[in-house]
Amino acid sequence: TIIQKLPYDRENTVMEDFGMCELCQA
């Protein structure tokens, strides 16, 4: 339900709108 297109990467999902904080990025 969050995939906008394949392949399944963050920029291809609705999560692209949420940048990772430093801890999540690590």
mmCIF file of all heavy atoms, coordinates in Angstrom:
data_MODEL
# 
_entry.id   MODEL 
# 
loop_
_atom_site.group_PDB 
_atom_site.id 
_atom_site.type_symbol 
_atom_site.label_atom_id 
_atom_site.label_alt_id 
_atom_site.label_comp_id 
_atom_site.label_asym_id 
_atom_site.label_entity_id 
_atom_site.label_seq_id 
_atom_site.pdbx_PDB_ins_code 
_atom_site.Cartn_x 
_atom_site.Cartn_y 
_atom_site.Cartn_z 
_atom_site.occupancy 
_atom_site.B_iso_or_equiv 
_atom_site.pdbx_formal_charge 
_atom_site.auth_seq_id 
_atom_site.auth_comp_id 
_atom_site.auth_asym_id 
_atom_site.auth_atom_id 
_atom_site.pdbx_PDB_model_num 
ATOM 1   N N   . THR A 1 1  ? 0.796  -1.222 0.000   1.00 0.00 ? 1  THR A N   1 
ATOM 2   C CA  . THR A 1 1  ? 0.000  0.000  0.000   1.00 0.00 ? 1  THR A CA  1 
ATOM 3   C C   . THR A 1 1  ? 0.832  1.277  0.000   1.00 0.00 ? 1  THR A C   1 
ATOM 4   O O   . THR A 1 1  ? 0.269  2.374  -0.096  1.00 0.00 ? 1  THR A O   1 
ATOM 5   C CB  . THR A 1 1  ? -0.957 0.026  1.205   1.00 0.00 ? 1  THR A CB  1 
ATOM 6   O OG1 . THR A 1 1  ? -0.229 -0.249 2.395   1.00 0.00 ? 1  THR A OG1 1 
ATOM 7   C CG2 . THR A 1 1  ? -2.048 -0.994 1.049   1.00 0.00 ? 1  THR A CG2 1 
ATOM 8   N N   . ILE A 1 2  ? 2.142  1.193  0.118   1.00 0.00 ? 2  ILE A N   1 
ATOM 9   C CA  . ILE A 1 2  ? 2.957  2.409  0.052   1.00 0.00 ? 2  ILE A CA  1 
ATOM 10  C C   . ILE A 1 2  ? 3.837  2.465  -1.196  1.00 0.00 ? 2  ILE A C   1 
ATOM 11  O O   . ILE A 1 2  ? 4.481  3.474  -1.456  1.00 0.00 ? 2  ILE A O   1 
ATOM 12  C CB  . ILE A 1 2  ? 3.835  2.577  1.307   1.00 0.00 ? 2  ILE A CB  1 
ATOM 13  C CG1 . ILE A 1 2  ? 4.889  1.471  1.407   1.00 0.00 ? 2  ILE A CG1 1 
ATOM 14  C CG2 . ILE A 1 2  ? 2.985  2.637  2.563   1.00 0.00 ? 2  ILE A CG2 1 
ATOM 15  C CD1 . ILE A 1 2  ? 5.947  1.740  2.468   1.00 0.00 ? 2  ILE A CD1 1 
ATOM 16  N N   . ILE A 1 3  ? 3.859  1.365  -1.967  1.00 0.00 ? 3  ILE A N   1 
ATOM 17  C CA  . ILE A 1 3  ? 4.687  1.348  -3.173  1.00 0.00 ? 3  ILE A CA  1 
ATOM 18  C C   . ILE A 1 3  ? 4.046  2.197  -4.269  1.00 0.00 ? 3  ILE A C   1 
ATOM 19  O O   . ILE A 1 3  ? 2.862  2.054  -4.571  1.00 0.00 ? 3  ILE A O   1 
ATOM 20  C CB  . ILE A 1 3  ? 4.895  -0.098 -3.677  1.00 0.00 ? 3  ILE A CB  1 
ATOM 21  C CG1 . ILE A 1 3  ? 5.801  -0.874 -2.731  1.00 0.00 ? 3  ILE A CG1 1 
ATOM 22  C CG2 . ILE A 1 3  ? 5.492  -0.108 -5.075  1.00 0.00 ? 3  ILE A CG2 1 
ATOM 23  C CD1 . ILE A 1 3  ? 5.954  -2.331 -3.099  1.00 0.00 ? 3  ILE A CD1 1 
ATOM 24  N N   . GLN A 1 4  ? 4.828  3.084  -4.854  1.00 0.00 ? 4  GLN A N   1 
ATOM 25  C CA  . GLN A 1 4  ? 4.366  3.874  -5.989  1.00 0.00 ? 4  GLN A CA  1 
ATOM 26  C C   . GLN A 1 4  ? 4.857  3.295  -7.311  1.00 0.00 ? 4  GLN A C   1 
ATOM 27  O O   . GLN A 1 4  ? 4.193  3.411  -8.334  1.00 0.00 ? 4  GLN A O   1 
ATOM 28  C CB  . GLN A 1 4  ? 4.832  5.326  -5.826  1.00 0.00 ? 4  GLN A CB  1 
ATOM 29  C CG  . GLN A 1 4  ? 4.224  5.991  -4.592  1.00 0.00 ? 4  GLN A CG  1 
ATOM 30  C CD  . GLN A 1 4  ? 4.793  7.360  -4.318  1.00 0.00 ? 4  GLN A CD  1 
ATOM 31  O OE1 . GLN A 1 4  ? 6.004  7.597  -4.443  1.00 0.00 ? 4  GLN A OE1 1 
ATOM 32  N NE2 . GLN A 1 4  ? 3.934  8.296  -3.926  1.00 0.00 ? 4  GLN A NE2 1 
ATOM 33  N N   . LYS A 1 5  ? 6.020  2.668  -7.264  1.00 0.00 ? 5  LYS A N   1 
ATOM 34  C CA  . LYS A 1 5  ? 6.545  1.950  -8.428  1.00 0.00 ? 5  LYS A CA  1 
ATOM 35  C C   . LYS A 1 5  ? 7.679  1.062  -7.949  1.00 0.00 ? 5  LYS A C   1 
ATOM 36  O O   . LYS A 1 5  ? 8.223  1.247  -6.861  1.00 0.00 ? 5  LYS A O   1 
ATOM 37  C CB  . LYS A 1 5  ? 7.035  2.917  -9.512  1.00 0.00 ? 5  LYS A CB  1 
ATOM 38  C CG  . LYS A 1 5  ? 8.176  3.829  -9.080  1.00 0.00 ? 5  LYS A CG  1 
ATOM 39  C CD  . LYS A 1 5  ? 8.590  4.754  -10.222 1.00 0.00 ? 5  LYS A CD  1 
ATOM 40  C CE  . LYS A 1 5  ? 9.728  5.684  -9.770  1.00 0.00 ? 5  LYS A CE  1 
ATOM 41  N NZ  . LYS A 1 5  ? 10.169 6.571  -10.864 1.00 0.00 ? 5  LYS A NZ  1 
ATOM 42  N N   . LEU A 1 6  ? 8.031  0.079  -8.761  1.00 0.00 ? 6  LEU A N   1 
ATOM 43  C CA  . LEU A 1 6  ? 9.163  -0.792 -8.467  1.00 0.00 ? 6  LEU A CA  1 
ATOM 44  C C   . LEU A 1 6  ? 10.416 -0.252 -9.149  1.00 0.00 ? 6  LEU A C   1 
ATOM 45  O O   . LEU A 1 6  ? 10.307 0.472  -10.143 1.00 0.00 ? 6  LEU A O   1 
ATOM 46  C CB  . LEU A 1 6  ? 8.871  -2.214 -8.942  1.00 0.00 ? 6  LEU A CB  1 
ATOM 47  C CG  . LEU A 1 6  ? 7.816  -2.981 -8.132  1.00 0.00 ? 6  LEU A CG  1 
ATOM 48  C CD1 . LEU A 1 6  ? 7.493  -4.306 -8.810  1.00 0.00 ? 6  LEU A CD1 1 
ATOM 49  C CD2 . LEU A 1 6  ? 8.289  -3.223 -6.705  1.00 0.00 ? 6  LEU A CD2 1 
ATOM 50  N N   . PRO A 1 7  ? 11.606 -0.571 -8.641  1.00 0.00 ? 7  PRO A N   1 
ATOM 51  C CA  . PRO A 1 7  ? 11.890 -1.478 -7.532  1.00 0.00 ? 7  PRO A CA  1 
ATOM 52  C C   . PRO A 1 7  ? 11.534 -0.877 -6.176  1.00 0.00 ? 7  PRO A C   1 
ATOM 53  O O   . PRO A 1 7  ? 11.335 0.334  -6.057  1.00 0.00 ? 7  PRO A O   1 
ATOM 54  C CB  . PRO A 1 7  ? 13.390 -1.728 -7.650  1.00 0.00 ? 7  PRO A CB  1 
ATOM 55  C CG  . PRO A 1 7  ? 13.920 -0.491 -8.287  1.00 0.00 ? 7  PRO A CG  1 
ATOM 56  C CD  . PRO A 1 7  ? 12.849 -0.062 -9.262  1.00 0.00 ? 7  PRO A CD  1 
ATOM 57  N N   . TYR A 1 8  ? 11.466 -1.738 -5.159  1.00 0.00 ? 8  TYR A N   1 
ATOM 58  C CA  . TYR A 1 8  ? 11.067 -1.306 -3.833  1.00 0.00 ? 8  TYR A CA  1 
ATOM 59  C C   . TYR A 1 8  ? 12.239 -0.622 -3.140  1.00 0.00 ? 8  TYR A C   1 
ATOM 60  O O   . TYR A 1 8  ? 13.065 -1.245 -2.480  1.00 0.00 ? 8  TYR A O   1 
ATOM 61  C CB  . TYR A 1 8  ? 10.590 -2.524 -3.019  1.00 0.00 ? 8  TYR A CB  1 
ATOM 62  C CG  . TYR A 1 8  ? 10.234 -2.183 -1.589  1.00 0.00 ? 8  TYR A CG  1 
ATOM 63  C CD1 . TYR A 1 8  ? 9.116  -1.405 -1.297  1.00 0.00 ? 8  TYR A CD1 1 
ATOM 64  C CD2 . TYR A 1 8  ? 11.008 -2.645 -0.533  1.00 0.00 ? 8  TYR A CD2 1 
ATOM 65  C CE1 . TYR A 1 8  ? 8.786  -1.090 0.008   1.00 0.00 ? 8  TYR A CE1 1 
ATOM 66  C CE2 . TYR A 1 8  ? 10.687 -2.340 0.778   1.00 0.00 ? 8  TYR A CE2 1 
ATOM 67  C CZ  . TYR A 1 8  ? 9.572  -1.558 1.037   1.00 0.00 ? 8  TYR A CZ  1 
ATOM 68  O OH  . TYR A 1 8  ? 9.255  -1.253 2.340   1.00 0.00 ? 8  TYR A OH  1 
ATOM 69  N N   . ASP A 1 9  ? 12.329 0.684  -3.336  1.00 0.00 ? 9  ASP A N   1 
ATOM 70  C CA  . ASP A 1 9  ? 13.291 1.539  -2.654  1.00 0.00 ? 9  ASP A CA  1 
ATOM 71  C C   . ASP A 1 9  ? 12.529 2.707  -2.039  1.00 0.00 ? 9  ASP A C   1 
ATOM 72  O O   . ASP A 1 9  ? 11.419 3.047  -2.482  1.00 0.00 ? 9  ASP A O   1 
ATOM 73  C CB  . ASP A 1 9  ? 14.355 2.065  -3.625  1.00 0.00 ? 9  ASP A CB  1 
ATOM 74  C CG  . ASP A 1 9  ? 15.363 0.984  -4.006  1.00 0.00 ? 9  ASP A CG  1 
ATOM 75  O OD1 . ASP A 1 9  ? 15.745 0.188  -3.131  1.00 0.00 ? 9  ASP A OD1 1 
ATOM 76  O OD2 . ASP A 1 9  ? 15.756 0.930  -5.186  1.00 0.00 ? 9  ASP A OD2 1 
ATOM 77  N N   . ARG A 1 10 ? 13.109 3.317  -1.047  1.00 0.00 ? 10 ARG A N   1 
ATOM 78  C CA  . ARG A 1 10 ? 12.396 4.366  -0.303  1.00 0.00 ? 10 ARG A CA  1 
ATOM 79  C C   . ARG A 1 10 ? 11.859 5.460  -1.219  1.00 0.00 ? 10 ARG A C   1 
ATOM 80  O O   . ARG A 1 10 ? 10.730 5.929  -1.044  1.00 0.00 ? 10 ARG A O   1 
ATOM 81  C CB  . ARG A 1 10 ? 13.323 4.970  0.762   1.00 0.00 ? 10 ARG A CB  1 
ATOM 82  C CG  . ARG A 1 10 ? 12.587 5.839  1.794   1.00 0.00 ? 10 ARG A CG  1 
ATOM 83  C CD  . ARG A 1 10 ? 13.573 6.339  2.825   1.00 0.00 ? 10 ARG A CD  1 
ATOM 84  N NE  . ARG A 1 10 ? 12.959 7.125  3.881   1.00 0.00 ? 10 ARG A NE  1 
ATOM 85  C CZ  . ARG A 1 10 ? 12.538 6.640  5.046   1.00 0.00 ? 10 ARG A CZ  1 
ATOM 86  N NH1 . ARG A 1 10 ? 12.649 5.354  5.298   1.00 0.00 ? 10 ARG A NH1 1 
ATOM 87  N NH2 . ARG A 1 10 ? 12.023 7.429  5.972   1.00 0.00 ? 10 ARG A NH2 1 
ATOM 88  N N   . GLU A 1 11 ? 12.665 5.868  -2.207  1.00 0.00 ? 11 GLU A N   1 
ATOM 89  C CA  . GLU A 1 11 ? 12.225 6.952  -3.080  1.00 0.00 ? 11 GLU A CA  1 
ATOM 90  C C   . GLU A 1 11 ? 11.062 6.553  -3.984  1.00 0.00 ? 11 GLU A C   1 
ATOM 91  O O   . GLU A 1 11 ? 10.443 7.408  -4.623  1.00 0.00 ? 11 GLU A O   1 
ATOM 92  C CB  . GLU A 1 11 ? 13.389 7.458  -3.939  1.00 0.00 ? 11 GLU A CB  1 
ATOM 93  C CG  . GLU A 1 11 ? 13.976 6.427  -4.883  1.00 0.00 ? 11 GLU A CG  1 
ATOM 94  C CD  . GLU A 1 11 ? 15.143 5.673  -4.277  1.00 0.00 ? 11 GLU A CD  1 
ATOM 95  O OE1 . GLU A 1 11 ? 15.247 5.618  -3.024  1.00 0.00 ? 11 GLU A OE1 1 
ATOM 96  O OE2 . GLU A 1 11 ? 15.962 5.152  -5.048  1.00 0.00 ? 11 GLU A OE2 1 
ATOM 97  N N   . ASN A 1 12 ? 10.763 5.260  -4.033  1.00 0.00 ? 12 ASN A N   1 
ATOM 98  C CA  . ASN A 1 12 ? 9.626  4.779  -4.829  1.00 0.00 ? 12 ASN A CA  1 
ATOM 99  C C   . ASN A 1 12 ? 8.408  4.463  -3.968  1.00 0.00 ? 12 ASN A C   1 
ATOM 100 O O   . ASN A 1 12 ? 7.467  3.820  -4.423  1.00 0.00 ? 12 ASN A O   1 
ATOM 101 C CB  . ASN A 1 12 ? 10.025 3.525  -5.617  1.00 0.00 ? 12 ASN A CB  1 
ATOM 102 C CG  . ASN A 1 12 ? 11.080 3.817  -6.658  1.00 0.00 ? 12 ASN A CG  1 
ATOM 103 O OD1 . ASN A 1 12 ? 11.165 4.937  -7.171  1.00 0.00 ? 12 ASN A OD1 1 
ATOM 104 N ND2 . ASN A 1 12 ? 11.882 2.826  -6.986  1.00 0.00 ? 12 ASN A ND2 1 
ATOM 105 N N   . THR A 1 13 ? 8.438  4.912  -2.711  1.00 0.00 ? 13 THR A N   1 
ATOM 106 C CA  . THR A 1 13 ? 7.317  4.713  -1.796  1.00 0.00 ? 13 THR A CA  1 
ATOM 107 C C   . THR A 1 13 ? 6.902  6.063  -1.210  1.00 0.00 ? 13 THR A C   1 
ATOM 108 O O   . THR A 1 13 ? 7.591  7.078  -1.381  1.00 0.00 ? 13 THR A O   1 
ATOM 109 C CB  . THR A 1 13 ? 7.699  3.769  -0.640  1.00 0.00 ? 13 THR A CB  1 
ATOM 110 O OG1 . THR A 1 13 ? 8.554  4.469  0.278   1.00 0.00 ? 13 THR A OG1 1 
ATOM 111 C CG2 . THR A 1 13 ? 8.402  2.524  -1.152  1.00 0.00 ? 13 THR A CG2 1 
ATOM 112 N N   . VAL A 1 14 ? 5.793  6.063  -0.484  1.00 0.00 ? 14 VAL A N   1 
ATOM 113 C CA  . VAL A 1 14 ? 5.352  7.307  0.143   1.00 0.00 ? 14 VAL A CA  1 
ATOM 114 C C   . VAL A 1 14 ? 6.306  7.752  1.248   1.00 0.00 ? 14 VAL A C   1 
ATOM 115 O O   . VAL A 1 14 ? 6.236  8.897  1.702   1.00 0.00 ? 14 VAL A O   1 
ATOM 116 C CB  . VAL A 1 14 ? 3.934  7.151  0.721   1.00 0.00 ? 14 VAL A CB  1 
ATOM 117 C CG1 . VAL A 1 14 ? 2.936  6.863  -0.384  1.00 0.00 ? 14 VAL A CG1 1 
ATOM 118 C CG2 . VAL A 1 14 ? 3.874  6.067  1.789   1.00 0.00 ? 14 VAL A CG2 1 
ATOM 119 N N   . MET A 1 15 ? 7.232  6.868  1.665   1.00 0.00 ? 15 MET A N   1 
ATOM 120 C CA  . MET A 1 15 ? 8.193  7.243  2.692   1.00 0.00 ? 15 MET A CA  1 
ATOM 121 C C   . MET A 1 15 ? 9.227  8.244  2.181   1.00 0.00 ? 15 MET A C   1 
ATOM 122 O O   . MET A 1 15 ? 10.020 8.773  2.976   1.00 0.00 ? 15 MET A O   1 
ATOM 123 C CB  . MET A 1 15 ? 8.901  5.998  3.234   1.00 0.00 ? 15 MET A CB  1 
ATOM 124 C CG  . MET A 1 15 ? 8.016  5.095  4.079   1.00 0.00 ? 15 MET A CG  1 
ATOM 125 S SD  . MET A 1 15 ? 7.348  5.909  5.555   1.00 0.00 ? 15 MET A SD  1 
ATOM 126 C CE  . MET A 1 15 ? 8.836  6.189  6.501   1.00 0.00 ? 15 MET A CE  1 
ATOM 127 N N   . GLU A 1 16 ? 9.230  8.504  0.890   1.00 0.00 ? 16 GLU A N   1 
ATOM 128 C CA  . GLU A 1 16 ? 10.172 9.484  0.345   1.00 0.00 ? 16 GLU A CA  1 
ATOM 129 C C   . GLU A 1 16 ? 9.958  10.872 0.957   1.00 0.00 ? 16 GLU A C   1 
ATOM 130 O O   . GLU A 1 16 ? 10.851 11.727 0.930   1.00 0.00 ? 16 GLU A O   1 
ATOM 131 C CB  . GLU A 1 16 ? 10.042 9.557  -1.176  1.00 0.00 ? 16 GLU A CB  1 
ATOM 132 C CG  . GLU A 1 16 ? 8.726  10.146 -1.664  1.00 0.00 ? 16 GLU A CG  1 
ATOM 133 C CD  . GLU A 1 16 ? 8.698  10.340 -3.167  1.00 0.00 ? 16 GLU A CD  1 
ATOM 134 O OE1 . GLU A 1 16 ? 9.782  10.453 -3.768  1.00 0.00 ? 16 GLU A OE1 1 
ATOM 135 O OE2 . GLU A 1 16 ? 7.588  10.399 -3.729  1.00 0.00 ? 16 GLU A OE2 1 
ATOM 136 N N   . ASP A 1 17 ? 8.765  11.126 1.492   1.00 0.00 ? 17 ASP A N   1 
ATOM 137 C CA  . ASP A 1 17 ? 8.470  12.425 2.089   1.00 0.00 ? 17 ASP A CA  1 
ATOM 138 C C   . ASP A 1 17 ? 9.080  12.600 3.473   1.00 0.00 ? 17 ASP A C   1 
ATOM 139 O O   . ASP A 1 17 ? 9.023  13.694 4.036   1.00 0.00 ? 17 ASP A O   1 
ATOM 140 C CB  . ASP A 1 17 ? 6.948  12.627 2.187   1.00 0.00 ? 17 ASP A CB  1 
ATOM 141 C CG  . ASP A 1 17 ? 6.274  12.696 0.827   1.00 0.00 ? 17 ASP A CG  1 
ATOM 142 O OD1 . ASP A 1 17 ? 6.948  13.109 -0.136  1.00 0.00 ? 17 ASP A OD1 1 
ATOM 143 O OD2 . ASP A 1 17 ? 5.091  12.334 0.728   1.00 0.00 ? 17 ASP A OD2 1 
ATOM 144 N N   . PHE A 1 18 ? 9.639  11.524 4.027   1.00 0.00 ? 18 PHE A N   1 
ATOM 145 C CA  . PHE A 1 18 ? 10.162 11.580 5.394   1.00 0.00 ? 18 PHE A CA  1 
ATOM 146 C C   . PHE A 1 18 ? 11.662 11.311 5.389   1.00 0.00 ? 18 PHE A C   1 
ATOM 147 O O   . PHE A 1 18 ? 12.112 10.177 5.257   1.00 0.00 ? 18 PHE A O   1 
ATOM 148 C CB  . PHE A 1 18 ? 9.442  10.554 6.279   1.00 0.00 ? 18 PHE A CB  1 
ATOM 149 C CG  . PHE A 1 18 ? 7.961  10.769 6.362   1.00 0.00 ? 18 PHE A CG  1 
ATOM 150 C CD1 . PHE A 1 18 ? 7.111  10.076 5.513   1.00 0.00 ? 18 PHE A CD1 1 
ATOM 151 C CD2 . PHE A 1 18 ? 7.423  11.669 7.264   1.00 0.00 ? 18 PHE A CD2 1 
ATOM 152 C CE1 . PHE A 1 18 ? 5.737  10.272 5.567   1.00 0.00 ? 18 PHE A CE1 1 
ATOM 153 C CE2 . PHE A 1 18 ? 6.051  11.875 7.330   1.00 0.00 ? 18 PHE A CE2 1 
ATOM 154 C CZ  . PHE A 1 18 ? 5.206  11.169 6.481   1.00 0.00 ? 18 PHE A CZ  1 
ATOM 155 N N   . GLY A 1 19 ? 12.434 12.381 5.504   1.00 0.00 ? 19 GLY A N   1 
ATOM 156 C CA  . GLY A 1 19 ? 13.881 12.237 5.560   1.00 0.00 ? 19 GLY A CA  1 
ATOM 157 C C   . GLY A 1 19 ? 14.312 11.594 6.872   1.00 0.00 ? 19 GLY A C   1 
ATOM 158 O O   . GLY A 1 19 ? 13.727 11.855 7.929   1.00 0.00 ? 19 GLY A O   1 
ATOM 159 N N   . MET A 1 20 ? 15.334 10.759 6.822   1.00 0.00 ? 20 MET A N   1 
ATOM 160 C CA  . MET A 1 20 ? 15.807 10.068 8.027   1.00 0.00 ? 20 MET A CA  1 
ATOM 161 C C   . MET A 1 20 ? 16.595 11.016 8.924   1.00 0.00 ? 20 MET A C   1 
ATOM 162 O O   . MET A 1 20 ? 17.367 11.843 8.441   1.00 0.00 ? 20 MET A O   1 
ATOM 163 C CB  . MET A 1 20 ? 16.722 8.902  7.652   1.00 0.00 ? 20 MET A CB  1 
ATOM 164 C CG  . MET A 1 20 ? 16.088 7.831  6.810   1.00 0.00 ? 20 MET A CG  1 
ATOM 165 S SD  . MET A 1 20 ? 17.317 6.541  6.432   1.00 0.00 ? 20 MET A SD  1 
ATOM 166 C CE  . MET A 1 20 ? 16.695 5.983  4.829   1.00 0.00 ? 20 MET A CE  1 
ATOM 167 N N   . CYS A 1 21 ? 16.405 10.870 10.228  1.00 0.00 ? 21 CYS A N   1 
ATOM 168 C CA  . CYS A 1 21 ? 17.262 11.568 11.180  1.00 0.00 ? 21 CYS A CA  1 
ATOM 169 C C   . CYS A 1 21 ? 18.635 10.876 11.202  1.00 0.00 ? 21 CYS A C   1 
ATOM 170 O O   . CYS A 1 21 ? 18.819 9.819  10.592  1.00 0.00 ? 21 CYS A O   1 
ATOM 171 C CB  . CYS A 1 21 ? 16.638 11.560 12.573  1.00 0.00 ? 21 CYS A CB  1 
ATOM 172 S SG  . CYS A 1 21 ? 16.489 9.913  13.319  1.00 0.00 ? 21 CYS A SG  1 
ATOM 173 N N   . GLU A 1 22 ? 19.591 11.447 11.908  1.00 0.00 ? 22 GLU A N   1 
ATOM 174 C CA  . GLU A 1 22 ? 20.947 10.891 11.918  1.00 0.00 ? 22 GLU A CA  1 
ATOM 175 C C   . GLU A 1 22 ? 20.975 9.472  12.477  1.00 0.00 ? 22 GLU A C   1 
ATOM 176 O O   . GLU A 1 22 ? 21.690 8.609  11.965  1.00 0.00 ? 22 GLU A O   1 
ATOM 177 C CB  . GLU A 1 22 ? 21.871 11.797 12.729  1.00 0.00 ? 22 GLU A CB  1 
ATOM 178 C CG  . GLU A 1 22 ? 22.188 13.129 12.051  1.00 0.00 ? 22 GLU A CG  1 
ATOM 179 C CD  . GLU A 1 22 ? 23.202 13.938 12.830  1.00 0.00 ? 22 GLU A CD  1 
ATOM 180 O OE1 . GLU A 1 22 ? 23.735 13.414 13.845  1.00 0.00 ? 22 GLU A OE1 1 
ATOM 181 O OE2 . GLU A 1 22 ? 23.484 15.085 12.436  1.00 0.00 ? 22 GLU A OE2 1 
ATOM 182 N N   . LEU A 1 23 ? 20.201 9.220  13.530  1.00 0.00 ? 23 LEU A N   1 
ATOM 183 C CA  . LEU A 1 23 ? 20.212 7.891  14.140  1.00 0.00 ? 23 LEU A CA  1 
ATOM 184 C C   . LEU A 1 23 ? 19.593 6.847  13.215  1.00 0.00 ? 23 LEU A C   1 
ATOM 185 O O   . LEU A 1 23 ? 20.097 5.729  13.096  1.00 0.00 ? 23 LEU A O   1 
ATOM 186 C CB  . LEU A 1 23 ? 19.466 7.923  15.480  1.00 0.00 ? 23 LEU A CB  1 
ATOM 187 C CG  . LEU A 1 23 ? 20.153 8.712  16.602  1.00 0.00 ? 23 LEU A CG  1 
ATOM 188 C CD1 . LEU A 1 23 ? 19.261 8.778  17.839  1.00 0.00 ? 23 LEU A CD1 1 
ATOM 189 C CD2 . LEU A 1 23 ? 21.502 8.093  16.944  1.00 0.00 ? 23 LEU A CD2 1 
ATOM 190 N N   . CYS A 1 24 ? 18.492 7.194  12.549  1.00 0.00 ? 24 CYS A N   1 
ATOM 191 C CA  . CYS A 1 24 ? 17.874 6.261  11.603  1.00 0.00 ? 24 CYS A CA  1 
ATOM 192 C C   . CYS A 1 24 ? 18.783 6.029  10.402  1.00 0.00 ? 24 CYS A C   1 
ATOM 193 O O   . CYS A 1 24 ? 18.899 4.909  9.905   1.00 0.00 ? 24 CYS A O   1 
ATOM 194 C CB  . CYS A 1 24 ? 16.503 6.780  11.154  1.00 0.00 ? 24 CYS A CB  1 
ATOM 195 S SG  . CYS A 1 24 ? 15.185 6.552  12.375  1.00 0.00 ? 24 CYS A SG  1 
ATOM 196 N N   . GLN A 1 25 ? 19.439 7.087  9.946   1.00 0.00 ? 25 GLN A N   1 
ATOM 197 C CA  . GLN A 1 25 ? 20.365 6.947  8.815   1.00 0.00 ? 25 GLN A CA  1 
ATOM 198 C C   . GLN A 1 25 ? 21.504 6.002  9.173   1.00 0.00 ? 25 GLN A C   1 
ATOM 199 O O   . GLN A 1 25 ? 21.917 5.169  8.360   1.00 0.00 ? 25 GLN A O   1 
ATOM 200 C CB  . GLN A 1 25 ? 20.926 8.318  8.424   1.00 0.00 ? 25 GLN A CB  1 
ATOM 201 C CG  . GLN A 1 25 ? 21.798 8.318  7.177   1.00 0.00 ? 25 GLN A CG  1 
ATOM 202 C CD  . GLN A 1 25 ? 21.012 8.116  5.897   1.00 0.00 ? 25 GLN A CD  1 
ATOM 203 O OE1 . GLN A 1 25 ? 19.981 8.734  5.700   1.00 0.00 ? 25 GLN A OE1 1 
ATOM 204 N NE2 . GLN A 1 25 ? 21.503 7.247  5.018   1.00 0.00 ? 25 GLN A NE2 1 
ATOM 205 N N   . ALA A 1 26 ? 21.992 6.106  10.411  1.00 0.00 ? 26 ALA A N   1 
ATOM 206 C CA  . ALA A 1 26 ? 23.083 5.231  10.853  1.00 0.00 ? 26 ALA A CA  1 
ATOM 207 C C   . ALA A 1 26 ? 22.625 3.781  10.899  1.00 0.00 ? 26 ALA A C   1 
ATOM 208 O O   . ALA A 1 26 ? 23.373 2.872  10.500  1.00 0.00 ? 26 ALA A O   1 
ATOM 209 C CB  . ALA A 1 26 ? 23.592 5.680  12.216  1.00 0.00 ? 26 ALA A CB  1 
# 
